[in-house]
Structure formats: structure tokens, C-alpha cells
Protein backbone atom coordinates (compact mmCIF):
# COMPACT_ATOMS: atom_id res chain seq x y z
CA MET A 1 -35.51 24.26 15.86
CA THR A 2 -35.04 21.94 18.80
CA LEU A 3 -31.72 20.53 19.90
CA ASN A 4 -32.70 17.07 18.65
CA GLN A 5 -33.60 18.45 15.23
CA GLN A 6 -30.28 20.30 15.07
CA ARG A 7 -28.43 17.07 15.79
CA LYS A 8 -30.38 15.22 13.10
CA LEU A 9 -29.69 18.00 10.59
CA LYS A 10 -26.00 17.99 11.47
CA THR A 11 -25.87 14.20 11.09
CA PHE A 12 -27.64 14.41 7.72
CA ILE A 13 -25.30 17.12 6.40
CA THR A 14 -22.23 15.22 7.62
CA GLY A 15 -23.44 12.01 6.00
CA LEU A 16 -24.29 13.78 2.74
CA PHE A 17 -20.85 15.40 2.66
CA ALA A 18 -19.13 12.05 3.36
CA TRP A 19 -21.11 10.29 0.62
CA THR A 20 -20.28 13.09 -1.84
CA ILE A 21 -16.56 12.80 -1.16
CA ALA A 22 -16.76 8.99 -1.37
CA LEU A 23 -18.53 9.11 -4.75
CA ILE A 24 -16.02 11.61 -6.11
CA LEU A 25 -13.14 9.37 -5.06
CA PHE A 26 -14.86 6.25 -6.41
CA PHE A 27 -15.82 7.73 -9.79
CA PRO A 28 -12.40 7.20 -11.49
CA ILE A 29 -12.48 3.52 -10.52
CA PHE A 30 -16.05 3.19 -11.81
CA TRP A 31 -15.16 4.93 -15.09
CA MET A 32 -12.10 2.74 -15.58
CA PHE A 33 -14.24 -0.34 -14.99
CA ILE A 34 -16.95 0.53 -17.52
CA THR A 35 -14.36 1.74 -20.07
CA SER A 36 -12.76 -1.69 -19.98
CA PHE A 37 -15.95 -3.09 -21.57
CA LYS A 38 -15.99 -0.57 -24.43
CA THR A 39 -14.39 -0.66 -27.85
CA GLU A 40 -11.52 1.73 -28.51
CA LEU A 41 -13.82 4.05 -30.49
CA GLN A 42 -16.37 4.10 -27.69
CA ALA A 43 -13.65 4.75 -25.12
CA ILE A 44 -12.56 7.99 -26.83
CA SER A 45 -15.97 9.14 -28.03
CA ILE A 46 -17.06 12.69 -27.16
CA PRO A 47 -19.39 13.05 -25.40
CA PRO A 48 -18.65 9.87 -23.45
CA SER A 49 -21.11 7.06 -23.94
CA LEU A 50 -22.78 5.77 -20.81
CA PHE A 51 -24.99 3.25 -22.59
CA PHE A 52 -23.26 0.77 -24.88
CA GLU A 53 -23.05 -2.90 -25.71
CA PRO A 54 -20.33 -4.33 -23.43
CA THR A 55 -17.60 -6.52 -24.85
CA LEU A 56 -14.95 -8.78 -23.30
CA ASP A 57 -12.53 -8.38 -26.23
CA ASN A 58 -10.23 -6.12 -24.21
CA TYR A 59 -9.84 -8.68 -21.44
CA SER A 60 -9.22 -11.42 -23.99
CA GLU A 61 -6.51 -9.36 -25.66
CA VAL A 62 -4.89 -8.53 -22.33
CA GLN A 63 -4.75 -12.24 -21.48
CA GLU A 64 -3.24 -13.06 -24.89
CA ARG A 65 -0.76 -10.20 -24.91
CA SER A 66 0.36 -10.28 -21.27
CA ASP A 67 1.05 -13.11 -18.88
CA TYR A 68 -1.27 -11.84 -16.17
CA VAL A 69 -0.58 -14.69 -13.75
CA HIS A 70 3.19 -14.13 -14.01
CA HIS A 71 2.85 -10.41 -13.24
CA ALA A 72 0.37 -11.08 -10.42
CA ILE A 73 2.73 -13.58 -8.79
CA ASN A 74 5.55 -11.04 -8.98
CA SER A 75 3.33 -8.43 -7.31
CA ILE A 76 2.37 -10.85 -4.54
CA ILE A 77 5.97 -11.91 -3.89
CA THR A 78 7.39 -8.38 -3.83
CA SER A 79 4.52 -6.86 -1.81
CA PHE A 80 4.30 -9.56 0.84
CA GLY A 81 8.06 -10.20 0.91
CA SER A 82 8.95 -6.55 1.46
CA THR A 83 6.22 -6.18 4.09
CA ILE A 84 7.50 -9.16 6.08
CA LEU A 85 11.08 -7.87 5.88
CA ALA A 86 9.96 -4.37 6.94
CA LEU A 87 8.12 -5.78 9.97
CA ILE A 88 11.15 -7.86 10.99
CA ILE A 89 13.21 -4.66 11.06
CA ALA A 90 10.54 -2.27 12.33
CA VAL A 91 9.19 -4.22 15.31
CA PRO A 92 12.45 -4.23 17.35
CA ALA A 93 13.26 -0.67 16.21
CA ALA A 94 9.85 0.67 17.28
CA PHE A 95 10.00 -1.36 20.51
CA SER A 96 13.37 0.08 21.51
CA MET A 97 12.35 3.66 20.73
CA ALA A 98 9.00 3.31 22.51
CA PHE A 99 10.16 1.58 25.71
CA ALA A 100 13.80 2.70 25.94
CA PRO A 101 13.87 6.13 24.30
CA GLY A 102 17.08 8.11 24.16
CA LYS A 103 17.76 11.82 23.91
CA ARG A 104 17.74 11.67 20.11
CA THR A 105 14.80 9.31 19.62
CA LYS A 106 12.48 12.04 18.35
CA ASP A 107 15.22 13.33 16.06
CA VAL A 108 15.70 9.84 14.62
CA LEU A 109 11.98 9.46 14.02
CA LEU A 110 11.78 12.83 12.30
CA TRP A 111 14.83 11.99 10.20
CA MET A 112 13.28 8.69 9.15
CA LEU A 113 10.07 10.44 8.18
CA SER A 114 11.98 13.14 6.29
CA THR A 115 13.40 10.51 3.93
CA LYS A 116 9.86 10.10 2.54
CA MET A 117 10.10 13.68 1.29
CA LEU A 118 13.03 12.82 -0.96
CA PRO A 119 11.93 12.43 -4.60
CA ALA A 120 12.59 8.92 -5.81
CA VAL A 121 14.23 10.23 -8.96
CA GLY A 122 16.85 11.90 -6.76
CA VAL A 123 18.38 8.52 -5.89
CA LEU A 124 17.56 6.78 -9.16
CA VAL A 125 21.09 6.81 -10.62
CA PRO A 126 22.99 5.40 -7.58
CA ILE A 127 20.35 2.73 -6.91
CA TYR A 128 20.27 1.72 -10.57
CA MET A 129 24.07 1.45 -10.65
CA ILE A 130 24.13 -0.63 -7.45
CA CYS A 131 21.53 -3.02 -8.86
CA ARG A 132 23.45 -3.23 -12.13
CA ASP A 133 26.80 -3.93 -10.46
CA TYR A 134 25.33 -6.65 -8.23
CA GLY A 135 23.24 -8.26 -10.96
CA LEU A 136 19.93 -7.30 -9.39
CA LEU A 137 18.31 -5.65 -12.39
CA ASP A 138 15.01 -7.28 -13.34
CA SER A 139 14.97 -9.31 -10.14
CA LYS A 140 12.38 -9.60 -7.41
CA THR A 141 15.14 -9.31 -4.80
CA ALA A 142 15.85 -5.72 -5.84
CA LEU A 143 12.18 -4.79 -5.64
CA VAL A 144 11.79 -6.40 -2.20
CA ILE A 145 14.77 -4.43 -0.87
CA ILE A 146 13.64 -1.14 -2.44
CA PHE A 147 10.03 -1.53 -1.29
CA THR A 148 11.22 -2.39 2.23
CA LEU A 149 13.36 0.74 2.46
CA MET A 150 10.59 2.81 0.90
CA ASN A 151 7.96 1.82 3.47
CA LEU A 152 10.16 1.29 6.53
CA PRO A 153 9.73 4.85 7.91
CA ILE A 154 5.93 4.55 7.78
CA VAL A 155 5.95 1.07 9.32
CA VAL A 156 8.24 2.17 12.17
CA TRP A 157 6.16 5.28 12.85
CA MET A 158 2.87 3.38 12.95
CA LEU A 159 4.21 0.69 15.28
CA PHE A 160 5.95 3.26 17.46
CA SER A 161 2.68 5.20 17.81
CA TYR A 162 0.99 2.08 19.13
CA PHE A 163 3.82 0.73 21.28
CA LYS A 164 4.31 3.97 23.18
CA ASP A 165 0.68 3.85 24.37
CA LEU A 166 0.94 0.33 25.78
CA PRO A 167 0.98 0.31 29.60
CA LYS A 168 4.59 0.24 30.84
CA GLU A 169 3.43 -1.67 33.90
CA ILE A 170 2.94 -4.78 31.76
CA LEU A 171 6.63 -4.90 30.84
CA GLU A 172 7.66 -4.11 34.41
CA ALA A 173 5.62 -7.09 35.61
CA ALA A 174 7.22 -9.29 32.95
CA ARG A 175 10.71 -8.20 34.06
CA MET A 176 9.87 -9.03 37.68
CA ASP A 177 8.97 -12.53 36.47
CA GLY A 178 12.41 -12.83 34.87
CA ALA A 179 11.51 -12.06 31.26
CA THR A 180 14.37 -11.14 28.94
CA PRO A 181 14.02 -8.31 26.36
CA TRP A 182 13.35 -10.99 23.74
CA ASP A 183 10.59 -12.46 25.92
CA GLU A 184 9.11 -9.00 26.35
CA VAL A 185 8.84 -8.55 22.59
CA VAL A 186 7.67 -12.05 21.67
CA LYS A 187 5.48 -12.99 24.64
CA VAL A 188 4.12 -9.62 25.76
CA VAL A 189 4.25 -6.87 23.15
CA LEU A 190 3.50 -8.88 20.00
CA PRO A 191 0.36 -10.61 21.36
CA LEU A 192 -0.99 -7.25 22.52
CA SER A 193 -0.15 -5.59 19.20
CA MET A 194 -1.35 -8.09 16.62
CA GLY A 195 -4.13 -5.74 15.52
CA ALA A 196 -1.71 -2.87 15.01
CA ILE A 197 0.83 -5.09 13.26
CA SER A 198 -1.84 -6.54 10.97
CA SER A 199 -3.17 -3.14 9.95
CA THR A 200 0.36 -1.82 9.41
CA ALA A 201 1.13 -4.82 7.22
CA LEU A 202 -2.02 -4.23 5.19
CA LEU A 203 -1.08 -0.62 4.52
CA SER A 204 2.45 -1.64 3.52
CA ILE A 205 1.11 -4.28 1.12
CA VAL A 206 -1.17 -1.73 -0.54
CA LEU A 207 1.67 0.78 -0.94
CA CYS A 208 3.96 -1.87 -2.42
CA TRP A 209 1.28 -3.18 -4.77
CA ASN A 210 0.67 0.32 -6.16
CA GLU A 211 4.33 1.29 -6.55
CA SER A 212 5.17 1.89 -10.21
CA PHE A 213 8.28 4.09 -10.41
CA TRP A 214 10.79 1.50 -9.21
CA SER A 215 8.93 -1.33 -10.90
CA LEU A 216 9.28 0.35 -14.30
CA THR A 217 12.86 1.41 -13.66
CA LEU A 218 14.38 -1.79 -12.31
CA THR A 219 12.43 -4.51 -14.12
CA ALA A 220 11.90 -5.60 -17.71
CA SER A 221 10.09 -8.92 -17.93
CA ASP A 222 11.15 -11.56 -15.38
CA ALA A 223 10.35 -9.56 -12.24
CA ALA A 224 7.84 -7.10 -13.70
CA PRO A 225 4.77 -6.73 -11.44
CA LEU A 226 1.26 -5.70 -12.48
CA THR A 227 2.13 -2.00 -12.53
CA ALA A 228 4.67 -2.71 -15.26
CA MET A 229 2.05 -4.69 -17.18
CA ILE A 230 -0.22 -1.65 -17.19
CA ALA A 231 2.55 0.58 -18.52
CA SER A 232 3.13 -1.80 -21.44
CA TYR A 233 -0.16 -0.58 -22.96
CA SER A 234 1.36 2.83 -23.63
CA SER A 235 2.96 2.92 -27.07
CA PRO A 236 4.33 5.51 -29.54
CA GLU A 237 1.05 5.20 -31.43
CA GLY A 238 -0.82 6.46 -28.36
CA LEU A 239 -2.83 5.11 -25.48
CA PHE A 240 -5.34 2.35 -26.10
CA TRP A 241 -7.79 3.45 -23.45
CA ALA A 242 -10.08 0.44 -23.50
CA LYS A 243 -7.26 -2.09 -23.27
CA LEU A 244 -5.45 0.08 -20.73
CA SER A 245 -8.61 0.17 -18.61
CA ALA A 246 -8.97 -3.61 -18.83
CA ALA A 247 -5.34 -4.13 -17.76
CA SER A 248 -5.74 -1.60 -14.94
CA THR A 249 -8.92 -3.29 -13.73
CA LEU A 250 -7.20 -6.68 -13.64
CA ALA A 251 -4.26 -5.15 -11.77
CA CYS A 252 -6.40 -3.29 -9.23
CA ALA A 253 -8.98 -6.00 -8.63
CA PRO A 254 -6.91 -8.24 -6.29
CA ILE A 255 -5.77 -5.45 -3.98
CA VAL A 256 -9.21 -3.77 -4.01
CA VAL A 257 -10.91 -7.03 -2.99
CA PHE A 258 -8.19 -7.68 -0.42
CA GLY A 259 -8.59 -4.19 1.02
CA TRP A 260 -12.37 -4.52 1.04
CA PHE A 261 -12.27 -7.61 3.22
CA CYS A 262 -9.62 -6.08 5.48
CA GLN A 263 -11.00 -2.52 5.62
CA LYS A 264 -11.72 -2.72 9.35
CA GLN A 265 -8.08 -3.53 10.16
CA LEU A 266 -6.84 -0.94 7.66
CA VAL A 267 -8.94 1.85 9.15
CA GLN A 268 -7.85 0.79 12.62
CA GLY A 269 -4.22 1.05 11.56
CA LEU A 270 -4.71 4.61 10.32
CA THR A 271 -6.50 5.74 13.48
CA PHE A 272 -5.04 3.75 16.38
CA GLY A 273 -3.08 5.36 19.15
CA ALA A 274 -5.11 4.71 22.28
CA VAL A 275 -5.17 1.66 24.50
CA LYS A 276 -8.44 -0.24 23.90
């Protein structure tokens, strides 16, 4: 076998492996989607039915039972609001640690990342009591704050990883021209880092959109996002799989479409680290 044939075989095997993993990951989404068009009996039939007469009754019932627009607006407000707040905090924090590191900078970064290892249920009681005492239960303000704190370590780490690879000579030239630290951030670093900031924001939005633990714990109706709407289809009588699939499809559709159009920036944010 020639070297060229070996390369082609390697490329084929790599592509086949990648497509296999992609199909395995995509299958649950596909199954949820087709289940949403089944009746409840078809949804629980064994063996599962792949060929059936689709129906829109589940989507009609979801629209009648739940205020989809209300939940979607709550998800948009909390996801985008917490992402903006996290960026406002993370940009100067990452800038200072990247361009003016101290002896404990690495320790601080590791400590921030270690907070992601703490189970959310471990701080459930104190956070719930704080929200109760300050009248923040079932409010979008509480979710924005919680989501910001939840994603802040990841946002800081991603921005720090990019900032530290920016040429230091650019800031030195700006200082020679009389730029203040604020000018360095706003007029130099931010324009050079818009791609990294955009991809970091996209990842934060996705994480906030998919968060369910705090949404179910701190909200009831007024501030309930789409994840809480999905959970409402679980009842003591059991799970209504077809209706649950329809609600899940409606909840996932906006962020899936959003991520599809922004996949280039999202992949860049997960892989950046070198100066382009």
C-alpha cells in the first residue's frame, strides 16, 4: 500500500468514526423530534414504531396548556442578561490576570475553576434562603445573578486563555502613545478579541438556556423559563412521553437553530488560544 493510499484510508476511517459519533449524539434529538408527532400509545409502544401517521395534537396541547411565549421570553432575558453581566465582570478580570499577573494568579484561576466542581445542591439551602429573605423567589433577577455566578469561572478562563496570547507589544505601543488602562481595554484589547468574546458569549448563552436545577428550584410561574415548562409535563400519573417530547422540541428549537447559525464562532471559542 502506497503512502497516498494509507493517507486516504486514514482519512476515510477518521471520517467514518466522526460521523458515527455524530450520529450517536444526534439520535436522542432525532428520537425526541419524531416522538413529538406520535400519540401517547405510539410513544410507549414496544417495539418502537418508526412508521406512523404524524399528528400535531401534542403541539396544540402544549400551546393550550403552557404559555410558550412567556417561558421563551424568560429564557431569553435570563440567558442574555446573565451573559452580558458575566462579560462585564470577566473582561476586566481576565485582562488584569493576563497582562498584570501576580504571584497568586494561577491559584486564583484554579480556585475559580474548582467552584464548578461543587454540586449545586450543596449550596441550595443558603441560596434559597437568601432569595426568600430578599424577595427574589420566582424572579428573573435571581436567575440572572445565579446564572452569572455559575458561568463566570468558565467565561473568565476562556477570555484569559485568549488574552494571554495577545502580543504584549501592542499594549506597550498603546502606553507609549499615552493610553490609559481603560483605553487599553476598550480601544485595543476588545477590538482584537471580538471573536473570542462572541464565542464565549455564545457558550454562556447555551449553558444558561439549558440550566434546569436552579430554574426549577427558584421559580414557579412568573420567571419560569422553558426548562421549567418541560418539567411541568411530569405528573404523579407518570410521564406523557409524546407531550413531553413536543414541549422539549419547542424548548430546544430556538437554541439549536441559534447554535447552528453560530457554530463557527462556537467552535472557535472552544479551540482558540493562538494568535491568528
